[in-house]
Amino acid sequence: MPALITYRTPVQEDWVDYNGHLRDAFYLLIFSYATDALMERIGLDADSRGQSGHSLFTLEAHINYLHEVKLGSEVWVQTQIVGFDKKRLHLYHSLHRAGFDEALAASEQMLLHVDLTGPKSAPFGKVSTSRLQYLVDDQQDLPSPSFIGQTLRLPS
């Protein structure tokens, strides 16, 4: 399967800092929009969320800032499903631009499927489970993500 591209955007002027680089917070914004697009693919679009009262909450997100991203760059996010169970989704986003082979940034995330009436955790519905399994099966030949399972610590 070719990479699953979930979001594209040009880097906007109000997203860059005094060095002309994408601000830290906007990497997460871009990855968040990619997660929203993935939700649509797995049956958790706005209409479905309104009808079912279910959504995804982010439990944890790690970002690796790998290369600078400058104003006006056209970037896109590729998304890989690392795994999922009854209630959780483990995913990996990587940020890219044309003419540069390496990822510009990477974000490993753990999401929780939630019944908003609680809010409380809830199992994925049949549609979401089926679509997630399809993506996992379709991505089985992709290499393992580079920046996954890392911990943050100073060397001893």
C-alpha atoms as a PDB file:
ATOM      1  CA  MET A   1       0.000   0.000   0.000  1.00  0.00           C
ATOM      2  CA  PRO A   2       1.261   3.458  -0.732  1.00  0.00           C
ATOM      3  CA  ALA A   3       1.417   5.740   2.272  1.00  0.00           C
ATOM      4  CA  LEU A   4      -1.946   6.842   3.670  1.00  0.00           C
ATOM      5  CA  ILE A   5      -1.894  10.620   3.279  1.00  0.00           C
ATOM      6  CA  THR A   6      -4.330  12.090   5.773  1.00  0.00           C
ATOM      7  CA  TYR A   7      -3.639  15.844   5.612  1.00  0.00           C
ATOM      8  CA  ARG A   8      -1.967  18.450   3.366  1.00  0.00           C
ATOM      9  CA  THR A   9      -1.317  22.120   4.032  1.00  0.00           C
ATOM     10  CA  PRO A  10       1.024  24.969   3.226  1.00  0.00           C
ATOM     11  CA  VAL A  11       2.887  26.347   6.245  1.00  0.00           C
ATOM     12  CA  GLN A  12       1.143  29.624   7.017  1.00  0.00           C
ATOM     13  CA  GLU A  13       2.747  32.897   8.055  1.00  0.00           C
ATOM     14  CA  ASP A  14       1.252  32.968  11.548  1.00  0.00           C
ATOM     15  CA  TRP A  15       2.606  29.437  12.173  1.00  0.00           C
ATOM     16  CA  VAL A  16       6.297  30.401  12.011  1.00  0.00           C
ATOM     17  CA  ASP A  17       8.543  31.839  14.716  1.00  0.00           C
ATOM     18  CA  TYR A  18      11.254  34.517  14.773  1.00  0.00           C
ATOM     19  CA  ASN A  19      13.668  32.055  13.106  1.00  0.00           C
ATOM     20  CA  GLY A  20      11.306  31.498  10.184  1.00  0.00           C
ATOM     21  CA  HIS A  21      10.615  27.930  11.357  1.00  0.00           C
ATOM     22  CA  LEU A  22       7.318  26.201  12.065  1.00  0.00           C
ATOM     23  CA  ARG A  23       6.503  26.733  15.768  1.00  0.00           C
ATOM     24  CA  ASP A  24       6.426  23.631  17.971  1.00  0.00           C
ATOM     25  CA  ALA A  25       2.679  23.903  18.652  1.00  0.00           C
ATOM     26  CA  PHE A  26       1.796  23.909  14.976  1.00  0.00           C
ATOM     27  CA  TYR A  27       3.386  20.532  14.373  1.00  0.00           C
ATOM     28  CA  LEU A  28       0.815  19.167  16.822  1.00  0.00           C
ATOM     29  CA  LEU A  29      -1.953  21.151  15.104  1.00  0.00           C
ATOM     30  CA  ILE A  30      -1.038  19.602  11.748  1.00  0.00           C
ATOM     31  CA  PHE A  31      -0.912  16.116  13.290  1.00  0.00           C
ATOM     32  CA  SER A  32      -4.247  16.779  15.004  1.00  0.00           C
ATOM     33  CA  TYR A  33      -5.880  17.638  11.673  1.00  0.00           C
ATOM     34  CA  ALA A  34      -4.439  14.393  10.279  1.00  0.00           C
ATOM     35  CA  THR A  35      -6.066  12.496  13.147  1.00  0.00           C
ATOM     36  CA  ASP A  36      -9.390  14.197  12.340  1.00  0.00           C
ATOM     37  CA  ALA A  37      -9.072  13.037   8.726  1.00  0.00           C
ATOM     38  CA  LEU A  38      -8.280   9.498   9.887  1.00  0.00           C
ATOM     39  CA  MET A  39     -11.384   9.576  12.087  1.00  0.00           C
ATOM     40  CA  GLU A  40     -13.458  10.280   8.976  1.00  0.00           C
ATOM     41  CA  ARG A  41     -11.889   7.274   7.233  1.00  0.00           C
ATOM     42  CA  ILE A  42     -12.774   4.928  10.089  1.00  0.00           C
ATOM     43  CA  GLY A  43     -16.397   5.991  10.478  1.00  0.00           C
ATOM     44  CA  LEU A  44     -16.003   8.615  13.188  1.00  0.00           C
ATOM     45  CA  ASP A  45     -16.821  11.650  11.057  1.00  0.00           C
ATOM     46  CA  ALA A  46     -18.876  14.557  12.463  1.00  0.00           C
ATOM     47  CA  ASP A  47     -22.244  13.003  11.502  1.00  0.00           C
ATOM     48  CA  SER A  48     -21.337   9.632  13.008  1.00  0.00           C
ATOM     49  CA  ARG A  49     -20.027  11.250  16.183  1.00  0.00           C
ATOM     50  CA  GLY A  50     -23.283  13.197  16.481  1.00  0.00           C
ATOM     51  CA  GLN A  51     -25.413  10.088  16.004  1.00  0.00           C
ATOM     52  CA  SER A  52     -23.389   7.660  18.123  1.00  0.00           C
ATOM     53  CA  GLY A  53     -22.106  10.063  20.760  1.00  0.00           C
ATOM     54  CA  HIS A  54     -18.663   8.459  20.388  1.00  0.00           C
ATOM     55  CA  SER A  55     -15.333  10.043  19.563  1.00  0.00           C
ATOM     56  CA  LEU A  56     -11.583   9.664  20.049  1.00  0.00           C
ATOM     57  CA  PHE A  57      -9.592  11.331  22.826  1.00  0.00           C
ATOM     58  CA  THR A  58      -5.809  11.603  22.754  1.00  0.00           C
ATOM     59  CA  LEU A  59      -4.214   9.841  25.716  1.00  0.00           C
ATOM     60  CA  GLU A  60      -0.590  10.471  24.812  1.00  0.00           C
ATOM     61  CA  ALA A  61       1.367  12.083  21.983  1.00  0.00           C
ATOM     62  CA  HIS A  62       5.109  12.227  21.377  1.00  0.00           C
ATOM     63  CA  ILE A  63       6.619  14.493  18.726  1.00  0.00           C
ATOM     64  CA  ASN A  64      10.076  14.212  17.229  1.00  0.00           C
ATOM     65  CA  TYR A  65      11.230  17.392  15.471  1.00  0.00           C
ATOM     66  CA  LEU A  66      13.616  16.040  12.859  1.00  0.00           C
ATOM     67  CA  HIS A  67      14.207  18.760  10.251  1.00  0.00           C
ATOM     68  CA  GLU A  68      13.283  22.396   9.967  1.00  0.00           C
ATOM     69  CA  VAL A  69      10.047  23.361   8.263  1.00  0.00           C
ATOM     70  CA  LYS A  70       9.848  26.855   6.786  1.00  0.00           C
ATOM     71  CA  LEU A  71       7.165  29.310   5.782  1.00  0.00           C
ATOM     72  CA  GLY A  72       5.377  28.433   2.555  1.00  0.00           C
ATOM     73  CA  SER A  73       6.472  24.794   2.509  1.00  0.00           C
ATOM     74  CA  GLU A  74       3.737  22.466   1.285  1.00  0.00           C
ATOM     75  CA  VAL A  75       3.650  19.607   3.797  1.00  0.00           C
ATOM     76  CA  TRP A  76       1.608  16.460   4.172  1.00  0.00           C
ATOM     77  CA  VAL A  77       1.059  13.840   6.848  1.00  0.00           C
ATOM     78  CA  GLN A  78       1.368  10.116   6.255  1.00  0.00           C
ATOM     79  CA  THR A  79      -0.424   7.960   8.806  1.00  0.00           C
ATOM     80  CA  GLN A  80       0.273   4.381   9.806  1.00  0.00           C
ATOM     81  CA  ILE A  81      -1.874   2.316  12.156  1.00  0.00           C
ATOM     82  CA  VAL A  82       0.534   0.658  14.582  1.00  0.00           C
ATOM     83  CA  GLY A  83      -2.230  -1.332  16.255  1.00  0.00           C
ATOM     84  CA  PHE A  84      -5.594  -1.198  17.948  1.00  0.00           C
ATOM     85  CA  ASP A  85      -7.665  -3.111  20.458  1.00  0.00           C
ATOM     86  CA  LYS A  86     -11.296  -2.856  21.623  1.00  0.00           C
ATOM     87  CA  LYS A  87     -10.936   0.730  22.837  1.00  0.00           C
ATOM     88  CA  ARG A  88      -7.510   2.078  21.892  1.00  0.00           C
ATOM     89  CA  LEU A  89      -5.780   3.131  18.690  1.00  0.00           C
ATOM     90  CA  HIS A  90      -1.989   3.382  18.405  1.00  0.00           C
ATOM     91  CA  LEU A  91      -0.934   5.424  15.397  1.00  0.00           C
ATOM     92  CA  TYR A  92       2.103   7.042  13.857  1.00  0.00           C
ATOM     93  CA  HIS A  93       2.056  10.264  11.842  1.00  0.00           C
ATOM     94  CA  SER A  94       5.033  11.508   9.847  1.00  0.00           C
ATOM     95  CA  LEU A  95       5.357  14.951   8.240  1.00  0.00           C
ATOM     96  CA  HIS A  96       6.811  15.294   4.718  1.00  0.00           C
ATOM     97  CA  ARG A  97       7.502  17.755   1.921  1.00  0.00           C
ATOM     98  CA  ALA A  98       8.346  17.359  -1.746  1.00  0.00           C
ATOM     99  CA  GLY A  99      12.014  17.101  -2.658  1.00  0.00           C
ATOM    100  CA  PHE A 100      13.064  15.809   0.761  1.00  0.00           C
ATOM    101  CA  ASP A 101      13.120  12.055   1.361  1.00  0.00           C
ATOM    102  CA  GLU A 102      13.254  11.977   5.164  1.00  0.00           C
ATOM    103  CA  ALA A 103      10.395  12.729   7.516  1.00  0.00           C
ATOM    104  CA  LEU A 104      10.430  16.292   8.821  1.00  0.00           C
ATOM    105  CA  ALA A 105       8.744  15.275  12.083  1.00  0.00           C
ATOM    106  CA  ALA A 106       7.045  12.253  13.585  1.00  0.00           C
ATOM    107  CA  SER A 107       4.297  11.792  16.140  1.00  0.00           C
ATOM    108  CA  GLU A 108       3.411   8.576  17.901  1.00  0.00           C
ATOM    109  CA  GLN A 109      -0.030   8.732  19.511  1.00  0.00           C
ATOM    110  CA  MET A 110      -2.328   6.626  21.665  1.00  0.00           C
ATOM    111  CA  LEU A 111      -6.034   7.428  21.303  1.00  0.00           C
ATOM    112  CA  LEU A 112      -9.019   6.202  23.294  1.00  0.00           C
ATOM    113  CA  HIS A 113     -12.492   5.547  21.899  1.00  0.00           C
ATOM    114  CA  VAL A 114     -14.939   7.359  24.183  1.00  0.00           C
ATOM    115  CA  ASP A 115     -18.678   7.441  24.821  1.00  0.00           C
ATOM    116  CA  LEU A 116     -19.226  11.167  25.302  1.00  0.00           C
ATOM    117  CA  THR A 117     -22.241  10.719  27.599  1.00  0.00           C
ATOM    118  CA  GLY A 118     -19.878   9.675  30.404  1.00  0.00           C
ATOM    119  CA  PRO A 119     -17.402  10.521  29.179  1.00  0.00           C
ATOM    120  CA  LYS A 120     -16.066   6.989  29.516  1.00  0.00           C
ATOM    121  CA  SER A 121     -14.100   4.570  27.404  1.00  0.00           C
ATOM    122  CA  ALA A 122     -16.144   2.411  25.040  1.00  0.00           C
ATOM    123  CA  PRO A 123     -15.436  -0.330  22.501  1.00  0.00           C
ATOM    124  CA  PHE A 124     -15.141   0.671  18.863  1.00  0.00           C
ATOM    125  CA  GLY A 125     -18.251   0.004  16.788  1.00  0.00           C
ATOM    126  CA  LYS A 126     -18.321  -2.609  14.040  1.00  0.00           C
ATOM    127  CA  VAL A 127     -17.740  -0.089  11.230  1.00  0.00           C
ATOM    128  CA  SER A 128     -14.690   1.470  12.883  1.00  0.00           C
ATOM    129  CA  THR A 129     -13.247  -1.926  13.837  1.00  0.00           C
ATOM    130  CA  SER A 130     -13.676  -3.198  10.276  1.00  0.00           C
ATOM    131  CA  ARG A 131     -12.103  -0.095   8.739  1.00  0.00           C
ATOM    132  CA  LEU A 132      -9.205  -0.124  11.179  1.00  0.00           C
ATOM    133  CA  GLN A 133      -8.536  -3.790  10.432  1.00  0.00           C
ATOM    134  CA  TYR A 134      -8.629  -3.026   6.698  1.00  0.00           C
ATOM    135  CA  LEU A 135      -5.999  -0.307   7.166  1.00  0.00           C
ATOM    136  CA  VAL A 136      -3.801  -2.563   9.304  1.00  0.00           C
ATOM    137  CA  ASP A 137      -4.025  -5.341   6.708  1.00  0.00           C
ATOM    138  CA  ASP A 138      -3.359  -2.888   3.881  1.00  0.00           C
ATOM    139  CA  GLN A 139      -0.303  -1.471   5.672  1.00  0.00           C
ATOM    140  CA  GLN A 140       1.227  -4.794   6.696  1.00  0.00           C
ATOM    141  CA  ASP A 141       4.129  -4.439   4.240  1.00  0.00           C
ATOM    142  CA  LEU A 142       5.107  -0.957   5.422  1.00  0.00           C
ATOM    143  CA  PRO A 143       8.333  -0.759   7.396  1.00  0.00           C
ATOM    144  CA  SER A 144       8.077  -0.303  11.133  1.00  0.00           C
ATOM    145  CA  PRO A 145       7.989   3.403  12.042  1.00  0.00           C
ATOM    146  CA  SER A 146      11.390   4.890  12.897  1.00  0.00           C
ATOM    147  CA  PHE A 147      10.493   6.948  15.959  1.00  0.00           C
ATOM    148  CA  ILE A 148       8.252   4.689  17.974  1.00  0.00           C
ATOM    149  CA  GLY A 149       8.341   3.511  21.569  1.00  0.00           C
ATOM    150  CA  GLN A 150      10.969   6.017  22.569  1.00  0.00           C
ATOM    151  CA  THR A 151      11.310   7.400  26.045  1.00  0.00           C
ATOM    152  CA  LEU A 152      12.542  10.828  27.012  1.00  0.00           C
ATOM    153  CA  ARG A 153      15.536  10.876  29.347  1.00  0.00           C
ATOM    154  CA  LEU A 154      19.038  12.179  29.752  1.00  0.00           C
ATOM    155  CA  PRO A 155      21.818   9.662  29.168  1.00  0.00           C
ATOM    156  CA  SER A 156      23.209   8.238  32.395  1.00  0.00           C
END
